Amino acid sequence: MADHATPNLPSRDFTATAAFFAALGFGESWRDAGWMILERGGLTLEFFPYPDLDPAQSSFGCCLRLDDVAAFCAVIEAAGVPETTVGWPRFHRPRREAWGGWVGALIDPDGTLLRLVQEPD
């Protein structure tokens, strides 16, 4: 196995978190009372219970480095995640950055920021 890292993110409710990410193509590969792992292709997200988390106060985040950020954004849109500047979940359309890559954002129902990053061609 190649070296890799997986983000550990909070979930107020594993069932709700799994349902949200299932609409984005993630499937459960592990769940017990204290841990849940979701996978989509080469992406792995791991979750720990945090039932008292206030999404407005969350400072959790990670980057999803994608080969095709536009394709993943189409999945987000098809799942009905709103493109707005307040609340959660929400979606921010990717923009080309000065360094040449594309960066967008997905905020999950628990207030976690998932940056959607595509390297320059």
PDB file of N, CA and C in Angstrom:
ATOM      1  N   MET A   1       0.841  -1.182   0.000  1.00  0.00           N
ATOM      2  CA  MET A   1       0.000   0.000   0.000  1.00  0.00           C
ATOM      3  C   MET A   1       0.881   1.239   0.000  1.00  0.00           C
ATOM      4  N   ALA A   2       0.562   2.185  -0.846  1.00  0.00           N
ATOM      5  CA  ALA A   2       1.285   3.450  -0.884  1.00  0.00           C
ATOM      6  C   ALA A   2       0.968   4.268   0.362  1.00  0.00           C
ATOM      7  N   ASP A   3       1.895   5.137   0.751  1.00  0.00           N
ATOM      8  CA  ASP A   3       1.615   6.041   1.859  1.00  0.00           C
ATOM      9  C   ASP A   3       0.379   6.857   1.536  1.00  0.00           C
ATOM     10  N   HIS A   4      -0.424   7.102   2.546  1.00  0.00           N
ATOM     11  CA  HIS A   4      -1.607   7.937   2.349  1.00  0.00           C
ATOM     12  C   HIS A   4      -2.072   8.467   3.700  1.00  0.00           C
ATOM     13  N   ALA A   5      -2.944   9.446   3.679  1.00  0.00           N
ATOM     14  CA  ALA A   5      -3.525  10.003   4.900  1.00  0.00           C
ATOM     15  C   ALA A   5      -5.034  10.048   4.729  1.00  0.00           C
ATOM     16  N   THR A   6      -5.734   9.926   5.825  1.00  0.00           N
ATOM     17  CA  THR A   6      -7.186  10.062   5.787  1.00  0.00           C
ATOM     18  C   THR A   6      -7.611  11.046   6.864  1.00  0.00           C
ATOM     19  N   PRO A   7      -8.454  12.016   6.518  1.00  0.00           N
ATOM     20  CA  PRO A   7      -8.902  12.978   7.522  1.00  0.00           C
ATOM     21  C   PRO A   7      -9.834  12.316   8.521  1.00  0.00           C
ATOM     22  N   ASN A   8      -9.742  12.743   9.768  1.00  0.00           N
ATOM     23  CA  ASN A   8     -10.641  12.310  10.839  1.00  0.00           C
ATOM     24  C   ASN A   8     -11.549  13.485  11.146  1.00  0.00           C
ATOM     25  N   LEU A   9     -12.840  13.309  10.887  1.00  0.00           N
ATOM     26  CA  LEU A   9     -13.803  14.402  10.929  1.00  0.00           C
ATOM     27  C   LEU A   9     -14.924  14.104  11.921  1.00  0.00           C
ATOM     28  N   PRO A  10     -15.569  15.141  12.447  1.00  0.00           N
ATOM     29  CA  PRO A  10     -16.633  14.928  13.420  1.00  0.00           C
ATOM     30  C   PRO A  10     -17.973  14.608  12.750  1.00  0.00           C
ATOM     31  N   SER A  11     -18.791  13.863  13.485  1.00  0.00           N
ATOM     32  CA  SER A  11     -20.152  13.577  13.039  1.00  0.00           C
ATOM     33  C   SER A  11     -21.073  13.654  14.253  1.00  0.00           C
ATOM     34  N   ARG A  12     -22.107  14.469  14.140  1.00  0.00           N
ATOM     35  CA  ARG A  12     -23.095  14.518  15.216  1.00  0.00           C
ATOM     36  C   ARG A  12     -23.951  13.258  15.221  1.00  0.00           C
ATOM     37  N   ASP A  13     -24.111  12.634  14.045  1.00  0.00           N
ATOM     38  CA  ASP A  13     -24.948  11.440  13.922  1.00  0.00           C
ATOM     39  C   ASP A  13     -24.447  10.636  12.728  1.00  0.00           C
ATOM     40  N   PHE A  14     -23.902   9.437  12.972  1.00  0.00           N
ATOM     41  CA  PHE A  14     -23.339   8.636  11.893  1.00  0.00           C
ATOM     42  C   PHE A  14     -24.354   8.342  10.793  1.00  0.00           C
ATOM     43  N   THR A  15     -25.593   8.074  11.150  1.00  0.00           N
ATOM     44  CA  THR A  15     -26.603   7.749  10.132  1.00  0.00           C
ATOM     45  C   THR A  15     -26.831   8.935   9.205  1.00  0.00           C
ATOM     46  N   ALA A  16     -26.960  10.125   9.764  1.00  0.00           N
ATOM     47  CA  ALA A  16     -27.161  11.330   8.948  1.00  0.00           C
ATOM     48  C   ALA A  16     -25.927  11.626   8.099  1.00  0.00           C
ATOM     49  N   THR A  17     -24.740  11.478   8.670  1.00  0.00           N
ATOM     50  CA  THR A  17     -23.510  11.717   7.924  1.00  0.00           C
ATOM     51  C   THR A  17     -23.383  10.741   6.770  1.00  0.00           C
ATOM     52  N   ALA A  18     -23.636   9.464   7.034  1.00  0.00           N
ATOM     53  CA  ALA A  18     -23.551   8.444   5.982  1.00  0.00           C
ATOM     54  C   ALA A  18     -24.546   8.733   4.864  1.00  0.00           C
ATOM     55  N   ALA A  19     -25.753   9.159   5.203  1.00  0.00           N
ATOM     56  CA  ALA A  19     -26.767   9.465   4.188  1.00  0.00           C
ATOM     57  C   ALA A  19     -26.340  10.657   3.328  1.00  0.00           C
ATOM     58  N   PHE A  20     -25.814  11.711   3.952  1.00  0.00           N
ATOM     59  CA  PHE A  20     -25.370  12.882   3.197  1.00  0.00           C
ATOM     60  C   PHE A  20     -24.280  12.492   2.201  1.00  0.00           C
ATOM     61  N   PHE A  21     -23.264  11.773   2.679  1.00  0.00           N
ATOM     62  CA  PHE A  21     -22.163  11.418   1.795  1.00  0.00           C
ATOM     63  C   PHE A  21     -22.531  10.318   0.803  1.00  0.00           C
ATOM     64  N   ALA A  22     -23.516   9.482   1.120  1.00  0.00           N
ATOM     65  CA  ALA A  22     -23.980   8.470   0.157  1.00  0.00           C
ATOM     66  C   ALA A  22     -24.538   9.143  -1.087  1.00  0.00           C
ATOM     67  N   ALA A  23     -25.215  10.275  -0.908  1.00  0.00           N
ATOM     68  CA  ALA A  23     -25.747  11.018  -2.049  1.00  0.00           C
ATOM     69  C   ALA A  23     -24.628  11.570  -2.930  1.00  0.00           C
ATOM     70  N   LEU A  24     -23.408  11.616  -2.393  1.00  0.00           N
ATOM     71  CA  LEU A  24     -22.236  12.081  -3.143  1.00  0.00           C
ATOM     72  C   LEU A  24     -21.391  10.916  -3.642  1.00  0.00           C
ATOM     73  N   GLY A  25     -21.889   9.696  -3.476  1.00  0.00           N
ATOM     74  CA  GLY A  25     -21.201   8.524  -3.988  1.00  0.00           C
ATOM     75  C   GLY A  25     -20.291   7.810  -3.012  1.00  0.00           C
ATOM     76  N   PHE A  26     -20.317   8.189  -1.738  1.00  0.00           N
ATOM     77  CA  PHE A  26     -19.500   7.523  -0.729  1.00  0.00           C
ATOM     78  C   PHE A  26     -20.265   6.338  -0.142  1.00  0.00           C
ATOM     79  N   GLY A  27     -19.556   5.264   0.104  1.00  0.00           N
ATOM     80  CA  GLY A  27     -20.140   4.098   0.756  1.00  0.00           C
ATOM     81  C   GLY A  27     -19.421   3.797   2.054  1.00  0.00           C
ATOM     82  N   GLU A  28     -20.138   3.168   2.965  1.00  0.00           N
ATOM     83  CA  GLU A  28     -19.542   2.777   4.244  1.00  0.00           C
ATOM     84  C   GLU A  28     -18.656   1.564   4.061  1.00  0.00           C
ATOM     85  N   SER A  29     -17.436   1.642   4.579  1.00  0.00           N
ATOM     86  CA  SER A  29     -16.577   0.464   4.602  1.00  0.00           C
ATOM     87  C   SER A  29     -16.345  -0.015   6.036  1.00  0.00           C
ATOM     88  N   TRP A  30     -16.715   0.809   7.020  1.00  0.00           N
ATOM     89  CA  TRP A  30     -16.615   0.412   8.425  1.00  0.00           C
ATOM     90  C   TRP A  30     -17.522   1.294   9.263  1.00  0.00           C
ATOM     91  N   ARG A  31     -18.175   0.673  10.250  1.00  0.00           N
ATOM     92  CA  ARG A  31     -18.894   1.464  11.251  1.00  0.00           C
ATOM     93  C   ARG A  31     -19.079   0.621  12.506  1.00  0.00           C
ATOM     94  N   ASP A  32     -18.747   1.243  13.617  1.00  0.00           N
ATOM     95  CA  ASP A  32     -19.147   0.731  14.911  1.00  0.00           C
ATOM     96  C   ASP A  32     -19.575   1.953  15.721  1.00  0.00           C
ATOM     97  N   ALA A  33     -19.783   1.815  17.002  1.00  0.00           N
ATOM     98  CA  ALA A  33     -20.283   2.941  17.796  1.00  0.00           C
ATOM     99  C   ALA A  33     -19.298   4.099  17.886  1.00  0.00           C
ATOM    100  N   GLY A  34     -18.004   3.826  17.675  1.00  0.00           N
ATOM    101  CA  GLY A  34     -17.007   4.867  17.873  1.00  0.00           C
ATOM    102  C   GLY A  34     -16.265   5.330  16.639  1.00  0.00           C
ATOM    103  N   TRP A  35     -16.584   4.752  15.469  1.00  0.00           N
ATOM    104  CA  TRP A  35     -15.837   5.140  14.271  1.00  0.00           C
ATOM    105  C   TRP A  35     -16.627   4.767  13.030  1.00  0.00           C
ATOM    106  N   MET A  36     -16.488   5.574  11.984  1.00  0.00           N
ATOM    107  CA  MET A  36     -17.108   5.264  10.697  1.00  0.00           C
ATOM    108  C   MET A  36     -16.140   5.667   9.595  1.00  0.00           C
ATOM    109  N   ILE A  37     -16.032   4.827   8.571  1.00  0.00           N
ATOM    110  CA  ILE A  37     -15.178   5.107   7.417  1.00  0.00           C
ATOM    111  C   ILE A  37     -16.049   5.070   6.166  1.00  0.00           C
ATOM    112  N   LEU A  38     -15.934   6.141   5.355  1.00  0.00           N
ATOM    113  CA  LEU A  38     -16.648   6.249   4.090  1.00  0.00           C
ATOM    114  C   LEU A  38     -15.624   6.347   2.971  1.00  0.00           C
ATOM    115  N   GLU A  39     -15.937   5.705   1.842  1.00  0.00           N
ATOM    116  CA  GLU A  39     -15.012   5.715   0.710  1.00  0.00           C
ATOM    117  C   GLU A  39     -15.749   5.993  -0.591  1.00  0.00           C
ATOM    118  N   ARG A  40     -15.033   6.677  -1.470  1.00  0.00           N
ATOM    119  CA  ARG A  40     -15.513   6.956  -2.833  1.00  0.00           C
ATOM    120  C   ARG A  40     -14.282   6.918  -3.724  1.00  0.00           C
ATOM    121  N   GLY A  41     -14.132   5.869  -4.495  1.00  0.00           N
ATOM    122  CA  GLY A  41     -12.920   5.740  -5.308  1.00  0.00           C
ATOM    123  C   GLY A  41     -11.703   5.797  -4.416  1.00  0.00           C
ATOM    124  N   GLY A  42     -10.784   6.716  -4.700  1.00  0.00           N
ATOM    125  CA  GLY A  42      -9.578   6.864  -3.907  1.00  0.00           C
ATOM    126  C   GLY A  42      -9.718   7.784  -2.705  1.00  0.00           C
ATOM    127  N   LEU A  43     -10.930   8.281  -2.445  1.00  0.00           N
ATOM    128  CA  LEU A  43     -11.150   9.175  -1.305  1.00  0.00           C
ATOM    129  C   LEU A  43     -11.624   8.378  -0.092  1.00  0.00           C
ATOM    130  N   THR A  44     -11.034   8.643   1.054  1.00  0.00           N
ATOM    131  CA  THR A  44     -11.446   8.014   2.306  1.00  0.00           C
ATOM    132  C   THR A  44     -11.648   9.101   3.350  1.00  0.00           C
ATOM    133  N   LEU A  45     -12.806   9.095   3.989  1.00  0.00           N
ATOM    134  CA  LEU A  45     -13.115  10.011   5.081  1.00  0.00           C
ATOM    135  C   LEU A  45     -13.438   9.172   6.305  1.00  0.00           C
ATOM    136  N   GLU A  46     -12.818   9.508   7.427  1.00  0.00           N
ATOM    137  CA  GLU A  46     -13.086   8.794   8.669  1.00  0.00           C
ATOM    138  C   GLU A  46     -13.767   9.751   9.643  1.00  0.00           C
ATOM    139  N   PHE A  47     -14.758   9.226  10.365  1.00  0.00           N
ATOM    140  CA  PHE A  47     -15.576  10.053  11.251  1.00  0.00           C
ATOM    141  C   PHE A  47     -15.589   9.493  12.669  1.00  0.00           C
ATOM    142  N   PHE A  48     -15.574  10.411  13.630  1.00  0.00           N
ATOM    143  CA  PHE A  48     -15.707  10.066  15.044  1.00  0.00           C
ATOM    144  C   PHE A  48     -16.955  10.760  15.586  1.00  0.00           C
ATOM    145  N   PRO A  49     -17.590  10.186  16.602  1.00  0.00           N
ATOM    146  CA  PRO A  49     -18.805  10.810  17.129  1.00  0.00           C
ATOM    147  C   PRO A  49     -18.501  12.097  17.887  1.00  0.00           C
ATOM    148  N   TYR A  50     -19.309  13.096  17.612  1.00  0.00           N
ATOM    149  CA  TYR A  50     -19.213  14.389  18.290  1.00  0.00           C
ATOM    150  C   TYR A  50     -20.636  14.942  18.370  1.00  0.00           C
ATOM    151  N   PRO A  51     -21.489  14.319  19.182  1.00  0.00           N
ATOM    152  CA  PRO A  51     -22.907  14.669  19.196  1.00  0.00           C
ATOM    153  C   PRO A  51     -23.209  16.096  19.631  1.00  0.00           C
ATOM    154  N   ASP A  52     -22.338  16.718  20.406  1.00  0.00           N
ATOM    155  CA  ASP A  52     -22.592  18.075  20.894  1.00  0.00           C
ATOM    156  C   ASP A  52     -21.962  19.160  20.034  1.00  0.00           C
ATOM    157  N   LEU A  53     -21.422  18.807  18.879  1.00  0.00           N
ATOM    158  CA  LEU A  53     -20.780  19.792  17.999  1.00  0.00           C
ATOM    159  C   LEU A  53     -21.789  20.844  17.540  1.00  0.00           C
ATOM    160  N   ASP A  54     -21.395  22.095  17.631  1.00  0.00           N
ATOM    161  CA  ASP A  54     -22.180  23.195  17.062  1.00  0.00           C
ATOM    162  C   ASP A  54     -21.575  23.489  15.689  1.00  0.00           C
ATOM    163  N   PRO A  55     -22.299  23.173  14.587  1.00  0.00           N
ATOM    164  CA  PRO A  55     -21.728  23.390  13.250  1.00  0.00           C
ATOM    165  C   PRO A  55     -21.253  24.819  13.017  1.00  0.00           C
ATOM    166  N   ALA A  56     -21.885  25.785  13.651  1.00  0.00           N
ATOM    167  CA  ALA A  56     -21.480  27.183  13.475  1.00  0.00           C
ATOM    168  C   ALA A  56     -20.119  27.460  14.104  1.00  0.00           C
ATOM    169  N   GLN A  57     -19.697  26.626  15.022  1.00  0.00           N
ATOM    170  CA  GLN A  57     -18.426  26.813  15.706  1.00  0.00           C
ATOM    171  C   GLN A  57     -17.345  25.847  15.226  1.00  0.00           C
ATOM    172  N   SER A  58     -17.683  24.979  14.271  1.00  0.00           N
ATOM    173  CA  SER A  58     -16.729  23.964  13.818  1.00  0.00           C
ATOM    174  C   SER A  58     -15.536  24.595  13.113  1.00  0.00           C
ATOM    175  N   SER A  59     -14.358  24.070  13.432  1.00  0.00           N
ATOM    176  CA  SER A  59     -13.146  24.509  12.729  1.00  0.00           C
ATOM    177  C   SER A  59     -12.486  23.314  12.037  1.00  0.00           C
ATOM    178  N   PHE A  60     -13.257  22.243  11.816  1.00  0.00           N
ATOM    179  CA  PHE A  60     -12.731  21.053  11.160  1.00  0.00           C
ATOM    180  C   PHE A  60     -12.707  21.256   9.660  1.00  0.00           C
ATOM    181  N   GLY A  61     -11.728  20.655   8.993  1.00  0.00           N
ATOM    182  CA  GLY A  61     -11.655  20.769   7.541  1.00  0.00           C
ATOM    183  C   GLY A  61     -10.617  19.830   6.969  1.00  0.00           C
ATOM    184  N   CYS A  62     -10.681  19.660   5.663  1.00  0.00           N
ATOM    185  CA  CYS A  62      -9.704  18.859   4.935  1.00  0.00           C
ATOM    186  C   CYS A  62      -9.781  19.249   3.459  1.00  0.00           C
ATOM    187  N   CYS A  63      -8.834  18.757   2.691  1.00  0.00           N
ATOM    188  CA  CYS A  63      -8.838  18.958   1.242  1.00  0.00           C
ATOM    189  C   CYS A  63      -9.129  17.633   0.557  1.00  0.00           C
ATOM    190  N   LEU A  64     -10.011  17.670  -0.433  1.00  0.00           N
ATOM    191  CA  LEU A  64     -10.214  16.541  -1.333  1.00  0.00           C
ATOM    192  C   LEU A  64      -9.514  16.917  -2.624  1.00  0.00           C
ATOM    193  N   ARG A  65      -8.439  16.237  -2.935  1.00  0.00           N
ATOM    194  CA  ARG A  65      -7.677  16.516  -4.153  1.00  0.00           C
ATOM    195  C   ARG A  65      -8.238  15.628  -5.251  1.00  0.00           C
ATOM    196  N   LEU A  66      -8.820  16.278  -6.252  1.00  0.00           N
ATOM    197  CA  LEU A  66      -9.606  15.595  -7.271  1.00  0.00           C
ATOM    198  C   LEU A  66      -8.974  15.741  -8.646  1.00  0.00           C
ATOM    199  N   ASP A  67      -9.111  14.710  -9.468  1.00  0.00           N
ATOM    200  CA  ASP A  67      -8.661  14.792 -10.855  1.00  0.00           C
ATOM    201  C   ASP A  67      -9.595  15.662 -11.681  1.00  0.00           C
ATOM    202  N   ASP A  68     -10.897  15.663 -11.332  1.00  0.00           N
ATOM    203  CA  ASP A  68     -11.899  16.411 -12.095  1.00  0.00           C
ATOM    204  C   ASP A  68     -12.880  17.053 -11.123  1.00  0.00           C
ATOM    205  N   VAL A  69     -12.534  18.246 -10.651  1.00  0.00           N
ATOM    206  CA  VAL A  69     -13.361  18.927  -9.667  1.00  0.00           C
ATOM    207  C   VAL A  69     -14.743  19.256 -10.239  1.00  0.00           C
ATOM    208  N   ALA A  70     -14.829  19.561 -11.520  1.00  0.00           N
ATOM    209  CA  ALA A  70     -16.122  19.898 -12.126  1.00  0.00           C
ATOM    210  C   ALA A  70     -17.065  18.693 -12.094  1.00  0.00           C
ATOM    211  N   ALA A  71     -16.540  17.503 -12.328  1.00  0.00           N
ATOM    212  CA  ALA A  71     -17.380  16.302 -12.294  1.00  0.00           C
ATOM    213  C   ALA A  71     -17.908  16.060 -10.883  1.00  0.00           C
ATOM    214  N   PHE A  72     -17.066  16.245  -9.877  1.00  0.00           N
ATOM    215  CA  PHE A  72     -17.535  16.051  -8.503  1.00  0.00           C
ATOM    216  C   PHE A  72     -18.541  17.127  -8.131  1.00  0.00           C
ATOM    217  N   CYS A  73     -18.353  18.332  -8.608  1.00  0.00           N
ATOM    218  CA  CYS A  73     -19.310  19.404  -8.332  1.00  0.00           C
ATOM    219  C   CYS A  73     -20.667  19.099  -8.963  1.00  0.00           C
ATOM    220  N   ALA A  74     -20.673  18.460 -10.118  1.00  0.00           N
ATOM    221  CA  ALA A  74     -21.937  18.048 -10.739  1.00  0.00           C
ATOM    222  C   ALA A  74     -22.665  17.038  -9.851  1.00  0.00           C
ATOM    223  N   VAL A  75     -21.922  16.153  -9.197  1.00  0.00           N
ATOM    224  CA  VAL A  75     -22.515  15.193  -8.261  1.00  0.00           C
ATOM    225  C   VAL A  75     -23.112  15.935  -7.062  1.00  0.00           C
ATOM    226  N   ILE A  76     -22.392  16.922  -6.551  1.00  0.00           N
ATOM    227  CA  ILE A  76     -22.870  17.724  -5.423  1.00  0.00           C
ATOM    228  C   ILE A  76     -24.170  18.428  -5.800  1.00  0.00           C
ATOM    229  N   GLU A  77     -24.187  19.040  -6.969  1.00  0.00           N
ATOM    230  CA  GLU A  77     -25.396  19.733  -7.428  1.00  0.00           C
ATOM    231  C   GLU A  77     -26.560  18.770  -7.597  1.00  0.00           C
ATOM    232  N   ALA A  78     -26.297  17.597  -8.193  1.00  0.00           N
ATOM    233  CA  ALA A  78     -27.354  16.596  -8.400  1.00  0.00           C
ATOM    234  C   ALA A  78     -27.916  16.094  -7.071  1.00  0.00           C
ATOM    235  N   ALA A  79     -27.083  16.112  -6.026  1.00  0.00           N
ATOM    236  CA  ALA A  79     -27.528  15.698  -4.698  1.00  0.00           C
ATOM    237  C   ALA A  79     -28.378  16.767  -4.016  1.00  0.00           C
ATOM    238  N   GLY A  80     -28.455  17.943  -4.631  1.00  0.00           N
ATOM    239  CA  GLY A  80     -29.291  19.008  -4.079  1.00  0.00           C
ATOM    240  C   GLY A  80     -28.642  19.852  -3.006  1.00  0.00           C
ATOM    241  N   VAL A  81     -27.324  19.811  -2.910  1.00  0.00           N
ATOM    242  CA  VAL A  81     -26.639  20.662  -1.933  1.00  0.00           C
ATOM    243  C   VAL A  81     -26.721  22.095  -2.442  1.00  0.00           C
ATOM    244  N   PRO A  82     -27.258  23.012  -1.638  1.00  0.00           N
ATOM    245  CA  PRO A  82     -27.445  24.380  -2.119  1.00  0.00           C
ATOM    246  C   PRO A  82     -26.139  25.144  -2.296  1.00  0.00           C
ATOM    247  N   GLU A  83     -26.120  25.964  -3.331  1.00  0.00           N
ATOM    248  CA  GLU A  83     -25.005  26.891  -3.549  1.00  0.00           C
ATOM    249  C   GLU A  83     -25.395  28.203  -2.897  1.00  0.00           C
ATOM    250  N   THR A  84     -24.863  28.443  -1.707  1.00  0.00           N
ATOM    251  CA  THR A  84     -25.223  29.607  -0.917  1.00  0.00           C
ATOM    252  C   THR A  84     -24.026  30.014  -0.071  1.00  0.00           C
ATOM    253  N   THR A  85     -24.135  31.132   0.612  1.00  0.00           N
ATOM    254  CA  THR A  85     -23.016  31.607   1.431  1.00  0.00           C
ATOM    255  C   THR A  85     -23.271  31.436   2.920  1.00  0.00           C
ATOM    256  N   VAL A  86     -24.427  30.898   3.298  1.00  0.00           N
ATOM    257  CA  VAL A  86     -24.737  30.689   4.714  1.00  0.00           C
ATOM    258  C   VAL A  86     -25.362  29.315   4.912  1.00  0.00           C
ATOM    259  N   GLY A  87     -25.256  28.822   6.144  1.00  0.00           N
ATOM    260  CA  GLY A  87     -25.876  27.561   6.501  1.00  0.00           C
ATOM    261  C   GLY A  87     -25.052  26.360   6.094  1.00  0.00           C
ATOM    262  N   TRP A  88     -25.579  25.199   6.413  1.00  0.00           N
ATOM    263  CA  TRP A  88     -24.910  23.947   6.087  1.00  0.00           C
ATOM    264  C   TRP A  88     -25.954  22.871   5.969  1.00  0.00           C
ATOM    265  N   PRO A  89     -25.807  21.964   5.077  1.00  0.00           N
ATOM    266  CA  PRO A  89     -24.695  21.885   4.125  1.00  0.00           C
ATOM    267  C   PRO A  89     -24.807  22.982   3.073  1.00  0.00           C
ATOM    268  N   ARG A  90     -23.688  23.233   2.422  1.00  0.00           N
ATOM    269  CA  ARG A  90     -23.671  24.191   1.314  1.00  0.00           C
ATOM    270  C   ARG A  90     -22.473  23.919   0.420  1.00  0.00           C
ATOM    271  N   PHE A  91     -22.506  24.568  -0.737  1.00  0.00           N
ATOM    272  CA  PHE A  91     -21.534  24.327  -1.794  1.00  0.00           C
ATOM    273  C   PHE A  91     -21.064  25.665  -2.341  1.00  0.00           C
ATOM    274  N   HIS A  92     -19.767  25.772  -2.596  1.00  0.00           N
ATOM    275  CA  HIS A  92     -19.194  26.956  -3.245  1.00  0.00           C
ATOM    276  C   HIS A  92     -18.493  26.481  -4.514  1.00  0.00           C
ATOM    277  N   ARG A  93     -18.936  26.999  -5.629  1.00  0.00           N
ATOM    278  CA  ARG A  93     -18.411  26.614  -6.937  1.00  0.00           C
ATOM    279  C   ARG A  93     -16.902  26.880  -7.023  1.00  0.00           C
ATOM    280  N   PRO A  94     -16.162  25.985  -7.660  1.00  0.00           N
ATOM    281  CA  PRO A  94     -14.710  26.188  -7.771  1.00  0.00           C
ATOM    282  C   PRO A  94     -14.348  27.387  -8.646  1.00  0.00           C
ATOM    283  N   ARG A  95     -13.222  27.980  -8.303  1.00  0.00           N
ATOM    284  CA  ARG A  95     -12.664  29.097  -9.066  1.00  0.00           C
ATOM    285  C   ARG A  95     -11.194  28.805  -9.336  1.00  0.00           C
ATOM    286  N   ARG A  96     -10.731  29.319 -10.466  1.00  0.00           N
ATOM    287  CA  ARG A  96      -9.303  29.177 -10.768  1.00  0.00           C
ATOM    288  C   ARG A  96      -8.529  30.110  -9.840  1.00  0.00           C
ATOM    289  N   GLU A  97      -7.508  29.551  -9.211  1.00  0.00           N
ATOM    290  CA  GLU A  97      -6.662  30.310  -8.293  1.00  0.00           C
ATOM    291  C   GLU A  97      -5.441  30.853  -9.041  1.00  0.00           C
ATOM    292  N   ALA A  98      -4.757  31.822  -8.449  1.00  0.00           N
ATOM    293  CA  ALA A  98      -3.585  32.445  -9.067  1.00  0.00           C
ATOM    294  C   ALA A  98      -2.502  31.417  -9.393  1.00  0.00           C
ATOM    295  N   TRP A  99      -2.408  30.333  -8.637  1.00  0.00           N
ATOM    296  CA  TRP A  99      -1.394  29.305  -8.863  1.00  0.00           C
ATOM    297  C   TRP A  99      -1.785  28.334  -9.982  1.00  0.00           C
ATOM    298  N   GLY A 100      -2.986  28.536 -10.568  1.00  0.00           N
ATOM    299  CA  GLY A 100      -3.395  27.770 -11.732  1.00  0.00           C
ATOM    300  C   GLY A 100      -4.375  26.646 -11.472  1.00  0.00           C
ATOM    301  N   GLY A 101      -4.558  26.245 -10.219  1.00  0.00           N
ATOM    302  CA  GLY A 101      -5.502  25.180  -9.901  1.00  0.00           C
ATOM    303  C   GLY A 101      -6.899  25.715  -9.664  1.00  0.00           C
ATOM    304  N   TRP A 102      -7.816  24.785  -9.443  1.00  0.00           N
ATOM    305  CA  TRP A 102      -9.211  25.110  -9.147  1.00  0.00           C
ATOM    306  C   TRP A 102      -9.504  24.741  -7.706  1.00  0.00           C
ATOM    307  N   VAL A 103     -10.236  25.609  -6.990  1.00  0.00           N
ATOM    308  CA  VAL A 103     -10.598  25.335  -5.599  1.00  0.00           C
ATOM    309  C   VAL A 103     -12.049  25.745  -5.371  1.00  0.00           C
ATOM    310  N   GLY A 104     -12.823  24.794  -4.860  1.00  0.00           N
ATOM    311  CA  GLY A 104     -14.196  25.036  -4.445  1.00  0.00           C
ATOM    312  C   GLY A 104     -14.346  24.560  -3.012  1.00  0.00           C
ATOM    313  N   ALA A 105     -15.577  24.506  -2.536  1.00  0.00           N
ATOM    314  CA  ALA A 105     -15.781  24.083  -1.154  1.00  0.00           C
ATOM    315  C   ALA A 105     -17.135  23.400  -0.993  1.00  0.00           C
ATOM    316  N   LEU A 106     -17.139  22.453  -0.090  1.00  0.00           N
ATOM    317  CA  LEU A 106     -18.350  21.779   0.356  1.00  0.00           C
ATOM    318  C   LEU A 106     -18.333  21.846   1.876  1.00  0.00           C
ATOM    319  N   ILE A 107     -19.396  22.340   2.465  1.00  0.00           N
ATOM    320  CA  ILE A 107     -19.525  22.341   3.920  1.00  0.00           C
ATOM    321  C   ILE A 107     -20.582  21.300   4.241  1.00  0.00           C
ATOM    322  N   ASP A 108     -20.210  20.309   5.049  1.00  0.00           N
ATOM    323  CA  ASP A 108     -21.138  19.211   5.335  1.00  0.00           C
ATOM    324  C   ASP A 108     -22.141  19.618   6.419  1.00  0.00           C
ATOM    325  N   PRO A 109     -23.106  18.766   6.735  1.00  0.00           N
ATOM    326  CA  PRO A 109     -24.130  19.128   7.720  1.00  0.00           C
ATOM    327  C   PRO A 109     -23.588  19.409   9.122  1.00  0.00           C
ATOM    328  N   ASP A 110     -22.361  18.988   9.414  1.00  0.00           N
ATOM    329  CA  ASP A 110     -21.760  19.237  10.720  1.00  0.00           C
ATOM    330  C   ASP A 110     -20.836  20.447  10.715  1.00  0.00           C
ATOM    331  N   GLY A 111     -20.818  21.196   9.614  1.00  0.00           N
ATOM    332  CA  GLY A 111     -20.009  22.406   9.532  1.00  0.00           C
ATOM    333  C   GLY A 111     -18.566  22.176   9.125  1.00  0.00           C
ATOM    334  N   THR A 112     -18.218  20.953   8.721  1.00  0.00           N
ATOM    335  CA  THR A 112     -16.854  20.663   8.285  1.00  0.00           C
ATOM    336  C   THR A 112     -16.629  21.192   6.881  1.00  0.00           C
ATOM    337  N   LEU A 113     -15.528  21.905   6.679  1.00  0.00           N
ATOM    338  CA  LEU A 113     -15.147  22.439   5.379  1.00  0.00           C
ATOM    339  C   LEU A 113     -14.324  21.404   4.624  1.00  0.00           C
ATOM    340  N   LEU A 114     -14.819  20.984   3.462  1.00  0.00           N
ATOM    341  CA  LEU A 114     -14.069  20.099   2.588  1.00  0.00           C
ATOM    342  C   LEU A 114     -13.696  20.924   1.358  1.00  0.00           C
ATOM    343  N   ARG A 115     -12.417  21.276   1.244  1.00  0.00           N
ATOM    344  CA  ARG A 115     -11.956  22.028   0.078  1.00  0.00           C
ATOM    345  C   ARG A 115     -11.856  21.064  -1.098  1.00  0.00           C
ATOM    346  N   LEU A 116     -12.335  21.485  -2.232  1.00  0.00           N
ATOM    347  CA  LEU A 116     -12.325  20.680  -3.456  1.00  0.00           C
ATOM    348  C   LEU A 116     -11.231  21.242  -4.342  1.00  0.00           C
ATOM    349  N   VAL A 117     -10.135  20.510  -4.506  1.00  0.00           N
ATOM    350  CA  VAL A 117      -8.926  21.033  -5.128  1.00  0.00           C
ATOM    351  C   VAL A 117      -8.553  20.202  -6.362  1.00  0.00           C
ATOM    352  N   GLN A 118      -8.320  20.912  -7.465  1.00  0.00           N
ATOM    353  CA  GLN A 118      -7.793  20.271  -8.672  1.00  0.00           C
ATOM    354  C   GLN A 118      -6.511  20.989  -9.049  1.00  0.00           C
ATOM    355  N   GLU A 119      -5.438  20.234  -9.180  1.00  0.00           N
ATOM    356  CA  GLU A 119      -4.140  20.796  -9.560  1.00  0.00           C
ATOM    357  C   GLU A 119      -4.210  21.352 -10.980  1.00  0.00           C
ATOM    358  N   PRO A 120      -3.322  22.281 -11.343  1.00  0.00           N
ATOM    359  CA  PRO A 120      -3.300  22.799 -12.706  1.00  0.00           C
ATOM    360  C   PRO A 120      -2.941  21.700 -13.694  1.00  0.00           C
ATOM    361  N   ASP A 121      -3.397  21.878 -14.925  1.00  0.00           N
ATOM    362  CA  ASP A 121      -3.097  20.890 -15.992  1.00  0.00           C
ATOM    363  C   ASP A 121      -1.621  20.801 -16.256  1.00  0.00           C
TER     364      ASP A 121
END
